[in-house]
Amino acid sequence: MSRWEPDARGRLQAAAMALYAEHGFEATTVADIAERAGLTKRTFFRHFADKREVLFDGSKDLEEHFVAAVLAAPEAAAPLDAVAAGLDATAEWFTGRREYAARRQRIVAETPELQERELIKMASLAGAVTGALRTRGVADPAAGLAAEAGVAVFRIGFGRWVADGNTAPMDHVLRDALAELRAVTAG
């Protein structure tokens, strides 16, 4: 095995994604991933807690990026406008990642265990955004409502962005979804 080659983490991620696409998430083992990457199981566990975490590796970075943008929004921004700043930053964070995101989403959609993990990730994101809005001085329940609405916009927009046939940039898709939310709530 070529354990000395650089980027063990990236090689493990690439191997896992290929195997998940070929054989499905449930049929793929950590040993399969490590072997495909030319590494050992022990090396796998140095980088990931389990095979699910390969798919959710960037969750914390995404959350931090979203929250930082909410906190950096202009002081006078309304809660939903601060969330919109977070959505814009999220779209920027995903630049160049559409193909990977679409493959990942297909794998998640096929596996109930991964769908559950995705919901946990979205709940964590909503909690972090709620906290950021509270830090900005937004009281409850407005902070929670704006955060949950923003995460719903992200989730629906993300699904549209990775859908087959979509060519629109993520920031346009998220802005459209946010405009739809505003239209629904304006009536």
N, C-alpha and C. Protein backbone atom coordinates (compact mmCIF):
# COMPACT_ATOMS: atom_id res chain seq x y z
N MET A 1 0.84 -1.19 0.00
CA MET A 1 0.00 0.00 0.00
C MET A 1 0.87 1.24 0.00
N SER A 2 0.40 2.28 -0.65
CA SER A 2 1.19 3.50 -0.77
C SER A 2 0.77 4.52 0.28
N ARG A 3 1.00 4.18 1.55
CA ARG A 3 0.60 5.04 2.65
C ARG A 3 1.36 6.36 2.68
N TRP A 4 2.52 6.39 2.06
CA TRP A 4 3.34 7.58 2.12
C TRP A 4 2.88 8.68 1.18
N GLU A 5 1.98 8.37 0.24
CA GLU A 5 1.53 9.38 -0.71
C GLU A 5 0.76 10.48 0.03
N PRO A 6 0.83 11.70 -0.48
CA PRO A 6 0.16 12.83 0.19
C PRO A 6 -1.36 12.75 0.07
N ASP A 7 -2.02 13.56 0.89
CA ASP A 7 -3.47 13.75 0.88
C ASP A 7 -4.26 12.48 1.15
N ALA A 8 -3.92 11.82 2.25
CA ALA A 8 -4.65 10.60 2.62
C ALA A 8 -6.14 10.90 2.79
N ARG A 9 -6.48 12.02 3.41
CA ARG A 9 -7.88 12.37 3.64
C ARG A 9 -8.63 12.50 2.31
N GLY A 10 -8.06 13.22 1.37
CA GLY A 10 -8.67 13.40 0.06
C GLY A 10 -8.81 12.08 -0.69
N ARG A 11 -7.80 11.24 -0.59
CA ARG A 11 -7.87 9.93 -1.24
C ARG A 11 -8.96 9.07 -0.62
N LEU A 12 -9.09 9.12 0.69
CA LEU A 12 -10.17 8.38 1.35
C LEU A 12 -11.53 8.89 0.92
N GLN A 13 -11.69 10.20 0.83
CA GLN A 13 -12.96 10.77 0.40
C GLN A 13 -13.29 10.36 -1.03
N ALA A 14 -12.32 10.44 -1.91
CA ALA A 14 -12.55 10.06 -3.31
C ALA A 14 -12.90 8.58 -3.42
N ALA A 15 -12.19 7.75 -2.67
CA ALA A 15 -12.47 6.31 -2.70
C ALA A 15 -13.86 6.02 -2.17
N ALA A 16 -14.23 6.66 -1.08
CA ALA A 16 -15.55 6.45 -0.49
C ALA A 16 -16.65 6.87 -1.46
N MET A 17 -16.52 8.03 -2.05
CA MET A 17 -17.53 8.52 -2.98
C MET A 17 -17.68 7.57 -4.17
N ALA A 18 -16.58 7.09 -4.69
CA ALA A 18 -16.64 6.15 -5.82
C ALA A 18 -17.32 4.85 -5.41
N LEU A 19 -16.96 4.33 -4.26
CA LEU A 19 -17.56 3.08 -3.80
C LEU A 19 -19.03 3.24 -3.44
N TYR A 20 -19.40 4.34 -2.83
CA TYR A 20 -20.80 4.58 -2.51
C TYR A 20 -21.63 4.63 -3.80
N ALA A 21 -21.08 5.27 -4.83
CA ALA A 21 -21.79 5.35 -6.11
C ALA A 21 -21.87 3.99 -6.80
N GLU A 22 -20.81 3.20 -6.70
CA GLU A 22 -20.77 1.90 -7.36
C GLU A 22 -21.60 0.84 -6.65
N HIS A 23 -21.48 0.77 -5.31
CA HIS A 23 -22.07 -0.34 -4.56
C HIS A 23 -23.14 0.08 -3.56
N GLY A 24 -23.30 1.38 -3.37
CA GLY A 24 -24.23 1.87 -2.37
C GLY A 24 -23.53 2.08 -1.04
N PHE A 25 -24.09 2.97 -0.24
CA PHE A 25 -23.49 3.30 1.05
C PHE A 25 -23.45 2.09 1.98
N GLU A 26 -24.58 1.40 2.10
CA GLU A 26 -24.68 0.31 3.07
C GLU A 26 -23.76 -0.85 2.74
N ALA A 27 -23.53 -1.13 1.46
CA ALA A 27 -22.69 -2.26 1.07
C ALA A 27 -21.20 -1.96 1.13
N THR A 28 -20.85 -0.71 1.30
CA THR A 28 -19.44 -0.30 1.35
C THR A 28 -18.94 -0.33 2.78
N THR A 29 -17.78 -0.93 2.99
CA THR A 29 -17.18 -0.99 4.33
C THR A 29 -16.00 -0.04 4.42
N VAL A 30 -15.60 0.25 5.64
CA VAL A 30 -14.40 1.05 5.86
C VAL A 30 -13.19 0.36 5.25
N ALA A 31 -13.13 -0.95 5.37
CA ALA A 31 -12.02 -1.71 4.78
C ALA A 31 -11.98 -1.52 3.27
N ASP A 32 -13.16 -1.51 2.63
CA ASP A 32 -13.21 -1.29 1.17
C ASP A 32 -12.66 0.09 0.82
N ILE A 33 -13.07 1.08 1.59
CA ILE A 33 -12.63 2.45 1.33
C ILE A 33 -11.12 2.56 1.48
N ALA A 34 -10.62 2.04 2.58
CA ALA A 34 -9.17 2.11 2.84
C ALA A 34 -8.39 1.39 1.74
N GLU A 35 -8.86 0.23 1.36
CA GLU A 35 -8.17 -0.53 0.31
C GLU A 35 -8.16 0.24 -1.01
N ARG A 36 -9.30 0.79 -1.39
CA ARG A 36 -9.38 1.55 -2.65
C ARG A 36 -8.43 2.75 -2.61
N ALA A 37 -8.30 3.36 -1.44
CA ALA A 37 -7.42 4.53 -1.30
C ALA A 37 -5.95 4.15 -1.15
N GLY A 38 -5.69 2.85 -1.00
CA GLY A 38 -4.31 2.41 -0.80
C GLY A 38 -3.81 2.70 0.60
N LEU A 39 -4.73 2.66 1.57
CA LEU A 39 -4.39 2.96 2.96
C LEU A 39 -4.93 1.87 3.87
N THR A 40 -4.74 2.04 5.16
CA THR A 40 -5.24 1.05 6.12
C THR A 40 -6.51 1.57 6.80
N LYS A 41 -7.24 0.64 7.42
CA LYS A 41 -8.42 1.05 8.19
C LYS A 41 -8.01 2.00 9.31
N ARG A 42 -6.88 1.74 9.89
CA ARG A 42 -6.41 2.60 10.97
C ARG A 42 -6.24 4.05 10.49
N THR A 43 -5.70 4.20 9.28
CA THR A 43 -5.55 5.53 8.72
C THR A 43 -6.91 6.16 8.48
N PHE A 44 -7.87 5.36 8.01
CA PHE A 44 -9.23 5.87 7.82
C PHE A 44 -9.74 6.48 9.12
N PHE A 45 -9.60 5.73 10.22
CA PHE A 45 -10.15 6.19 11.50
C PHE A 45 -9.36 7.35 12.11
N ARG A 46 -8.19 7.64 11.61
CA ARG A 46 -7.47 8.85 12.02
C ARG A 46 -8.13 10.09 11.43
N HIS A 47 -8.80 9.89 10.30
CA HIS A 47 -9.41 11.03 9.60
C HIS A 47 -10.92 11.14 9.79
N PHE A 48 -11.60 10.01 9.97
CA PHE A 48 -13.06 10.01 10.06
C PHE A 48 -13.52 9.08 11.17
N ALA A 49 -14.56 9.49 11.89
CA ALA A 49 -15.10 8.67 12.98
C ALA A 49 -15.79 7.42 12.44
N ASP A 50 -16.44 7.55 11.29
CA ASP A 50 -17.11 6.41 10.66
C ASP A 50 -17.34 6.75 9.19
N LYS A 51 -17.90 5.82 8.45
CA LYS A 51 -18.03 6.03 7.01
C LYS A 51 -19.07 7.10 6.66
N ARG A 52 -19.98 7.42 7.55
CA ARG A 52 -20.93 8.51 7.30
C ARG A 52 -20.22 9.86 7.25
N GLU A 53 -19.24 10.01 8.12
CA GLU A 53 -18.59 11.32 8.26
C GLU A 53 -17.83 11.74 7.01
N VAL A 54 -17.52 10.81 6.12
CA VAL A 54 -16.92 11.18 4.84
C VAL A 54 -17.86 12.13 4.10
N LEU A 55 -19.15 11.87 4.19
CA LEU A 55 -20.15 12.66 3.48
C LEU A 55 -20.49 13.97 4.19
N PHE A 56 -20.19 14.06 5.47
CA PHE A 56 -20.56 15.25 6.26
C PHE A 56 -19.33 15.99 6.76
N ASP A 57 -18.22 15.76 6.12
CA ASP A 57 -16.94 16.31 6.56
C ASP A 57 -16.92 17.84 6.62
N GLY A 58 -17.54 18.53 5.70
CA GLY A 58 -17.47 19.99 5.67
C GLY A 58 -18.57 20.70 6.43
N SER A 59 -19.40 19.95 7.15
CA SER A 59 -20.56 20.54 7.82
C SER A 59 -20.20 21.67 8.77
N LYS A 60 -19.19 21.47 9.58
CA LYS A 60 -18.81 22.49 10.56
C LYS A 60 -18.28 23.74 9.86
N ASP A 61 -17.48 23.54 8.81
CA ASP A 61 -16.96 24.69 8.06
C ASP A 61 -18.10 25.49 7.44
N LEU A 62 -19.06 24.78 6.86
CA LEU A 62 -20.21 25.45 6.26
C LEU A 62 -20.97 26.25 7.32
N GLU A 63 -21.21 25.61 8.46
CA GLU A 63 -21.93 26.28 9.54
C GLU A 63 -21.19 27.54 10.00
N GLU A 64 -19.89 27.44 10.17
CA GLU A 64 -19.09 28.58 10.61
C GLU A 64 -19.13 29.71 9.58
N HIS A 65 -19.08 29.35 8.30
CA HIS A 65 -19.13 30.35 7.24
C HIS A 65 -20.47 31.08 7.24
N PHE A 66 -21.54 30.33 7.36
CA PHE A 66 -22.90 30.89 7.38
C PHE A 66 -23.04 31.84 8.56
N VAL A 67 -22.66 31.36 9.76
CA VAL A 67 -22.80 32.15 10.98
C VAL A 67 -21.96 33.42 10.92
N ALA A 68 -20.73 33.31 10.43
CA ALA A 68 -19.86 34.49 10.33
C ALA A 68 -20.49 35.56 9.46
N ALA A 69 -21.13 35.16 8.38
CA ALA A 69 -21.77 36.13 7.49
C ALA A 69 -23.00 36.76 8.15
N VAL A 70 -23.76 35.99 8.90
CA VAL A 70 -24.91 36.54 9.62
C VAL A 70 -24.42 37.59 10.63
N LEU A 71 -23.37 37.26 11.35
CA LEU A 71 -22.83 38.19 12.34
C LEU A 71 -22.25 39.45 11.70
N ALA A 72 -21.71 39.32 10.48
CA ALA A 72 -21.08 40.45 9.80
C ALA A 72 -22.06 41.31 8.99
N ALA A 73 -23.31 40.89 8.92
CA ALA A 73 -24.31 41.67 8.18
C ALA A 73 -24.42 43.06 8.81
N PRO A 74 -24.82 44.05 8.02
CA PRO A 74 -24.96 45.40 8.57
C PRO A 74 -25.83 45.41 9.82
N GLU A 75 -25.46 46.23 10.76
CA GLU A 75 -26.15 46.28 12.05
C GLU A 75 -27.65 46.53 11.90
N ALA A 76 -28.02 47.35 10.93
CA ALA A 76 -29.43 47.69 10.74
C ALA A 76 -30.22 46.63 9.96
N ALA A 77 -29.55 45.58 9.52
CA ALA A 77 -30.23 44.54 8.72
C ALA A 77 -31.31 43.84 9.54
N ALA A 78 -32.45 43.65 8.92
CA ALA A 78 -33.53 42.88 9.54
C ALA A 78 -33.06 41.42 9.69
N PRO A 79 -33.67 40.66 10.59
CA PRO A 79 -33.23 39.28 10.80
C PRO A 79 -33.14 38.45 9.52
N LEU A 80 -34.16 38.52 8.68
CA LEU A 80 -34.13 37.72 7.45
C LEU A 80 -33.09 38.24 6.47
N ASP A 81 -32.79 39.54 6.51
CA ASP A 81 -31.73 40.08 5.66
C ASP A 81 -30.35 39.62 6.14
N ALA A 82 -30.17 39.50 7.44
CA ALA A 82 -28.92 38.95 7.97
C ALA A 82 -28.78 37.49 7.56
N VAL A 83 -29.87 36.75 7.60
CA VAL A 83 -29.86 35.36 7.15
C VAL A 83 -29.53 35.30 5.66
N ALA A 84 -30.07 36.24 4.89
CA ALA A 84 -29.77 36.29 3.45
C ALA A 84 -28.27 36.47 3.22
N ALA A 85 -27.61 37.25 4.07
CA ALA A 85 -26.16 37.41 3.97
C ALA A 85 -25.48 36.06 4.20
N GLY A 86 -26.00 35.29 5.15
CA GLY A 86 -25.47 33.95 5.38
C GLY A 86 -25.69 33.04 4.19
N LEU A 87 -26.83 33.13 3.55
CA LEU A 87 -27.10 32.33 2.35
C LEU A 87 -26.15 32.70 1.22
N ASP A 88 -25.90 34.00 1.05
CA ASP A 88 -24.95 34.43 0.02
C ASP A 88 -23.55 33.88 0.29
N ALA A 89 -23.14 33.92 1.55
CA ALA A 89 -21.82 33.38 1.90
C ALA A 89 -21.76 31.88 1.68
N THR A 90 -22.86 31.20 1.95
CA THR A 90 -22.92 29.77 1.74
C THR A 90 -22.78 29.44 0.26
N ALA A 91 -23.45 30.21 -0.59
CA ALA A 91 -23.33 30.00 -2.03
C ALA A 91 -21.88 30.18 -2.47
N GLU A 92 -21.23 31.18 -1.92
CA GLU A 92 -19.81 31.41 -2.24
C GLU A 92 -18.96 30.23 -1.78
N TRP A 93 -19.26 29.69 -0.59
CA TRP A 93 -18.52 28.56 -0.04
C TRP A 93 -18.62 27.34 -0.96
N PHE A 94 -19.75 27.18 -1.63
CA PHE A 94 -19.97 26.04 -2.50
C PHE A 94 -19.40 26.22 -3.91
N THR A 95 -18.81 27.36 -4.19
CA THR A 95 -18.24 27.60 -5.52
C THR A 95 -17.26 26.48 -5.87
N GLY A 96 -17.47 25.90 -7.04
CA GLY A 96 -16.60 24.83 -7.52
C GLY A 96 -16.91 23.46 -6.93
N ARG A 97 -17.97 23.34 -6.16
CA ARG A 97 -18.28 22.08 -5.48
C ARG A 97 -19.59 21.44 -5.96
N ARG A 98 -20.16 21.93 -7.04
CA ARG A 98 -21.47 21.45 -7.47
C ARG A 98 -21.46 19.96 -7.81
N GLU A 99 -20.50 19.52 -8.58
CA GLU A 99 -20.47 18.11 -8.98
C GLU A 99 -20.38 17.19 -7.75
N TYR A 100 -19.47 17.51 -6.85
CA TYR A 100 -19.35 16.72 -5.63
C TYR A 100 -20.65 16.77 -4.82
N ALA A 101 -21.22 17.97 -4.68
CA ALA A 101 -22.45 18.14 -3.90
C ALA A 101 -23.60 17.33 -4.50
N ALA A 102 -23.69 17.30 -5.82
CA ALA A 102 -24.76 16.55 -6.48
C ALA A 102 -24.58 15.04 -6.26
N ARG A 103 -23.35 14.55 -6.39
CA ARG A 103 -23.09 13.12 -6.13
C ARG A 103 -23.40 12.78 -4.69
N ARG A 104 -22.96 13.63 -3.78
CA ARG A 104 -23.21 13.41 -2.35
C ARG A 104 -24.71 13.37 -2.06
N GLN A 105 -25.44 14.31 -2.66
CA GLN A 105 -26.87 14.39 -2.42
C GLN A 105 -27.59 13.13 -2.90
N ARG A 106 -27.17 12.58 -4.04
CA ARG A 106 -27.78 11.34 -4.55
C ARG A 106 -27.55 10.20 -3.56
N ILE A 107 -26.35 10.13 -3.00
CA ILE A 107 -26.03 9.07 -2.04
C ILE A 107 -26.88 9.23 -0.78
N VAL A 108 -26.98 10.45 -0.28
CA VAL A 108 -27.77 10.72 0.92
C VAL A 108 -29.24 10.38 0.67
N ALA A 109 -29.76 10.76 -0.48
CA ALA A 109 -31.17 10.53 -0.79
C ALA A 109 -31.53 9.04 -0.86
N GLU A 110 -30.55 8.20 -1.11
CA GLU A 110 -30.80 6.76 -1.23
C GLU A 110 -30.74 6.01 0.10
N THR A 111 -30.33 6.67 1.18
CA THR A 111 -30.06 5.97 2.43
C THR A 111 -30.73 6.66 3.61
N PRO A 112 -31.74 6.02 4.21
CA PRO A 112 -32.44 6.65 5.35
C PRO A 112 -31.50 7.06 6.49
N GLU A 113 -30.49 6.28 6.79
CA GLU A 113 -29.54 6.62 7.85
C GLU A 113 -28.84 7.95 7.55
N LEU A 114 -28.52 8.16 6.29
CA LEU A 114 -27.85 9.40 5.90
C LEU A 114 -28.83 10.57 5.87
N GLN A 115 -30.08 10.30 5.51
CA GLN A 115 -31.10 11.34 5.54
C GLN A 115 -31.29 11.83 6.97
N GLU A 116 -31.27 10.91 7.91
CA GLU A 116 -31.38 11.29 9.32
C GLU A 116 -30.20 12.16 9.73
N ARG A 117 -29.01 11.79 9.32
CA ARG A 117 -27.81 12.56 9.65
C ARG A 117 -27.89 13.96 9.02
N GLU A 118 -28.45 14.03 7.82
CA GLU A 118 -28.61 15.32 7.14
C GLU A 118 -29.57 16.22 7.92
N LEU A 119 -30.63 15.64 8.45
CA LEU A 119 -31.58 16.42 9.26
C LEU A 119 -30.91 16.94 10.54
N ILE A 120 -30.07 16.11 11.14
CA ILE A 120 -29.33 16.54 12.32
C ILE A 120 -28.40 17.71 11.97
N LYS A 121 -27.76 17.62 10.81
CA LYS A 121 -26.89 18.70 10.34
C LYS A 121 -27.69 19.99 10.15
N MET A 122 -28.86 19.89 9.56
CA MET A 122 -29.69 21.07 9.34
C MET A 122 -30.17 21.66 10.67
N ALA A 123 -30.49 20.81 11.64
CA ALA A 123 -30.91 21.29 12.96
C ALA A 123 -29.75 22.02 13.65
N SER A 124 -28.55 21.50 13.51
CA SER A 124 -27.38 22.15 14.08
C SER A 124 -27.14 23.51 13.43
N LEU A 125 -27.30 23.56 12.11
CA LEU A 125 -27.15 24.83 11.40
C LEU A 125 -28.19 25.85 11.87
N ALA A 126 -29.43 25.41 12.00
CA ALA A 126 -30.49 26.31 12.47
C ALA A 126 -30.19 26.82 13.87
N GLY A 127 -29.70 25.96 14.74
CA GLY A 127 -29.35 26.37 16.09
C GLY A 127 -28.22 27.39 16.10
N ALA A 128 -27.22 27.17 15.26
CA ALA A 128 -26.09 28.10 15.19
C ALA A 128 -26.53 29.46 14.64
N VAL A 129 -27.39 29.45 13.63
CA VAL A 129 -27.87 30.71 13.06
C VAL A 129 -28.77 31.43 14.06
N THR A 130 -29.59 30.67 14.79
CA THR A 130 -30.40 31.28 15.85
C THR A 130 -29.51 31.98 16.86
N GLY A 131 -28.45 31.30 17.27
CA GLY A 131 -27.50 31.90 18.21
C GLY A 131 -26.86 33.16 17.67
N ALA A 132 -26.52 33.15 16.38
CA ALA A 132 -25.92 34.34 15.76
C ALA A 132 -26.91 35.50 15.75
N LEU A 133 -28.16 35.21 15.45
CA LEU A 133 -29.18 36.26 15.44
C LEU A 133 -29.41 36.81 16.85
N ARG A 134 -29.39 35.94 17.85
CA ARG A 134 -29.52 36.42 19.23
C ARG A 134 -28.35 37.33 19.59
N THR A 135 -27.15 36.95 19.15
CA THR A 135 -25.98 37.78 19.39
C THR A 135 -26.15 39.16 18.75
N ARG A 136 -26.85 39.21 17.64
CA ARG A 136 -27.13 40.49 16.96
C ARG A 136 -28.23 41.27 17.67
N GLY A 137 -28.84 40.68 18.69
CA GLY A 137 -29.88 41.37 19.44
C GLY A 137 -31.30 41.02 19.02
N VAL A 138 -31.45 40.01 18.19
CA VAL A 138 -32.79 39.59 17.76
C VAL A 138 -33.38 38.73 18.87
N ALA A 139 -34.56 39.08 19.31
CA ALA A 139 -35.21 38.35 20.40
C ALA A 139 -35.91 37.11 19.87
N ASP A 140 -36.24 36.21 20.80
CA ASP A 140 -37.04 35.04 20.45
C ASP A 140 -38.50 35.46 20.45
N PRO A 141 -39.34 34.92 19.66
CA PRO A 141 -39.11 33.80 18.76
C PRO A 141 -38.58 34.22 17.39
N ALA A 142 -38.40 35.53 17.15
CA ALA A 142 -37.97 36.00 15.83
C ALA A 142 -36.64 35.37 15.39
N ALA A 143 -35.70 35.24 16.33
CA ALA A 143 -34.40 34.67 15.98
C ALA A 143 -34.56 33.24 15.46
N GLY A 144 -35.32 32.44 16.18
CA GLY A 144 -35.54 31.05 15.76
C GLY A 144 -36.32 30.94 14.47
N LEU A 145 -37.35 31.77 14.33
CA LEU A 145 -38.15 31.74 13.11
C LEU A 145 -37.32 32.12 11.88
N ALA A 146 -36.53 33.17 11.99
CA ALA A 146 -35.70 33.61 10.86
C ALA A 146 -34.65 32.56 10.53
N ALA A 147 -34.04 31.97 11.55
CA ALA A 147 -33.03 30.95 11.32
C ALA A 147 -33.63 29.71 10.66
N GLU A 148 -34.74 29.24 11.19
CA GLU A 148 -35.39 28.05 10.62
C GLU A 148 -35.82 28.32 9.18
N ALA A 149 -36.35 29.51 8.93
CA ALA A 149 -36.75 29.87 7.56
C ALA A 149 -35.54 29.89 6.63
N GLY A 150 -34.45 30.45 7.12
CA GLY A 150 -33.22 30.50 6.32
C GLY A 150 -32.69 29.12 6.00
N VAL A 151 -32.73 28.22 6.96
CA VAL A 151 -32.26 26.85 6.73
C VAL A 151 -33.21 26.14 5.76
N ALA A 152 -34.50 26.40 5.85
CA ALA A 152 -35.44 25.82 4.88
C ALA A 152 -35.14 26.33 3.48
N VAL A 153 -34.86 27.61 3.35
CA VAL A 153 -34.48 28.18 2.05
C VAL A 153 -33.22 27.50 1.54
N PHE A 154 -32.23 27.34 2.42
CA PHE A 154 -31.00 26.68 2.02
C PHE A 154 -31.27 25.25 1.55
N ARG A 155 -32.03 24.50 2.32
CA ARG A 155 -32.30 23.09 2.01
C ARG A 155 -33.02 22.96 0.67
N ILE A 156 -34.05 23.76 0.47
CA ILE A 156 -34.81 23.69 -0.78
C ILE A 156 -33.98 24.21 -1.95
N GLY A 157 -33.30 25.31 -1.74
CA GLY A 157 -32.43 25.85 -2.79
C GLY A 157 -31.30 24.90 -3.15
N PHE A 158 -30.70 24.28 -2.15
CA PHE A 158 -29.63 23.33 -2.40
C PHE A 158 -30.13 22.17 -3.26
N GLY A 159 -31.31 21.66 -2.92
CA GLY A 159 -31.89 20.58 -3.71
C GLY A 159 -32.11 20.97 -5.16
N ARG A 160 -32.56 22.18 -5.37
CA ARG A 160 -32.75 22.68 -6.74
C ARG A 160 -31.41 22.84 -7.45
N TRP A 161 -30.42 23.34 -6.72
CA TRP A 161 -29.12 23.61 -7.31
C TRP A 161 -28.44 22.34 -7.79
N VAL A 162 -28.55 21.26 -7.04
CA VAL A 162 -27.89 20.01 -7.42
C VAL A 162 -28.74 19.14 -8.33
N ALA A 163 -29.97 19.55 -8.61
CA ALA A 163 -30.86 18.75 -9.45
C ALA A 163 -30.32 18.64 -10.88
N ASP A 164 -30.55 17.49 -11.47
CA ASP A 164 -30.16 17.29 -12.87
C ASP A 164 -30.79 18.37 -13.74
N GLY A 165 -30.01 18.91 -14.64
CA GLY A 165 -30.51 19.91 -15.56
C GLY A 165 -30.37 21.34 -15.08
N ASN A 166 -30.10 21.55 -13.81
CA ASN A 166 -29.92 22.91 -13.32
C ASN A 166 -28.58 23.46 -13.78
N THR A 167 -28.60 24.67 -14.28
CA THR A 167 -27.35 25.33 -14.68
C THR A 167 -27.17 26.66 -13.97
N ALA A 168 -28.17 27.06 -13.20
CA ALA A 168 -28.10 28.35 -12.50
C ALA A 168 -27.09 28.28 -11.37
N PRO A 169 -26.36 29.36 -11.13
CA PRO A 169 -25.44 29.40 -10.00
C PRO A 169 -26.21 29.30 -8.68
N MET A 170 -25.55 28.78 -7.66
CA MET A 170 -26.21 28.57 -6.39
C MET A 170 -26.75 29.86 -5.79
N ASP A 171 -26.02 30.96 -5.91
CA ASP A 171 -26.52 32.20 -5.31
C ASP A 171 -27.84 32.62 -5.94
N HIS A 172 -28.02 32.40 -7.24
CA HIS A 172 -29.29 32.74 -7.89
C HIS A 172 -30.41 31.83 -7.39
N VAL A 173 -30.10 30.55 -7.26
CA VAL A 173 -31.11 29.59 -6.80
C VAL A 173 -31.54 29.92 -5.37
N LEU A 174 -30.59 30.24 -4.50
CA LEU A 174 -30.93 30.58 -3.12
C LEU A 174 -31.71 31.89 -3.05
N ARG A 175 -31.31 32.87 -3.84
CA ARG A 175 -32.06 34.14 -3.84
C ARG A 175 -33.49 33.94 -4.32
N ASP A 176 -33.65 33.10 -5.35
CA ASP A 176 -35.01 32.80 -5.85
C ASP A 176 -35.84 32.13 -4.76
N ALA A 177 -35.25 31.17 -4.06
CA ALA A 177 -35.98 30.47 -2.99
C ALA A 177 -36.34 31.45 -1.87
N LEU A 178 -35.43 32.35 -1.54
CA LEU A 178 -35.71 33.35 -0.50
C LEU A 178 -36.82 34.30 -0.96
N ALA A 179 -36.81 34.67 -2.23
CA ALA A 179 -37.87 35.54 -2.77
C ALA A 179 -39.21 34.83 -2.70
N GLU A 180 -39.23 33.52 -2.95
CA GLU A 180 -40.47 32.75 -2.85
C GLU A 180 -40.97 32.74 -1.41
N LEU A 181 -40.06 32.58 -0.45
CA LEU A 181 -40.45 32.62 0.96
C LEU A 181 -41.05 33.98 1.30
N ARG A 182 -40.40 35.03 0.89
CA ARG A 182 -40.90 36.39 1.17
C ARG A 182 -42.27 36.60 0.55
N ALA A 183 -42.48 36.07 -0.64
CA ALA A 183 -43.79 36.20 -1.31
C ALA A 183 -44.86 35.43 -0.55
N VAL A 184 -44.51 34.24 -0.08
CA VAL A 184 -45.47 33.41 0.66
C VAL A 184 -45.87 34.09 1.98
N THR A 185 -44.90 34.69 2.64
CA THR A 185 -45.18 35.30 3.94
C THR A 185 -45.77 36.69 3.84
N ALA A 186 -45.68 37.33 2.67
CA ALA A 186 -46.20 38.68 2.51
C ALA A 186 -47.73 38.70 2.46
N GLY A 187 -48.34 37.59 2.05
CA GLY A 187 -49.79 37.56 1.91
C GLY A 187 -50.47 37.44 3.22
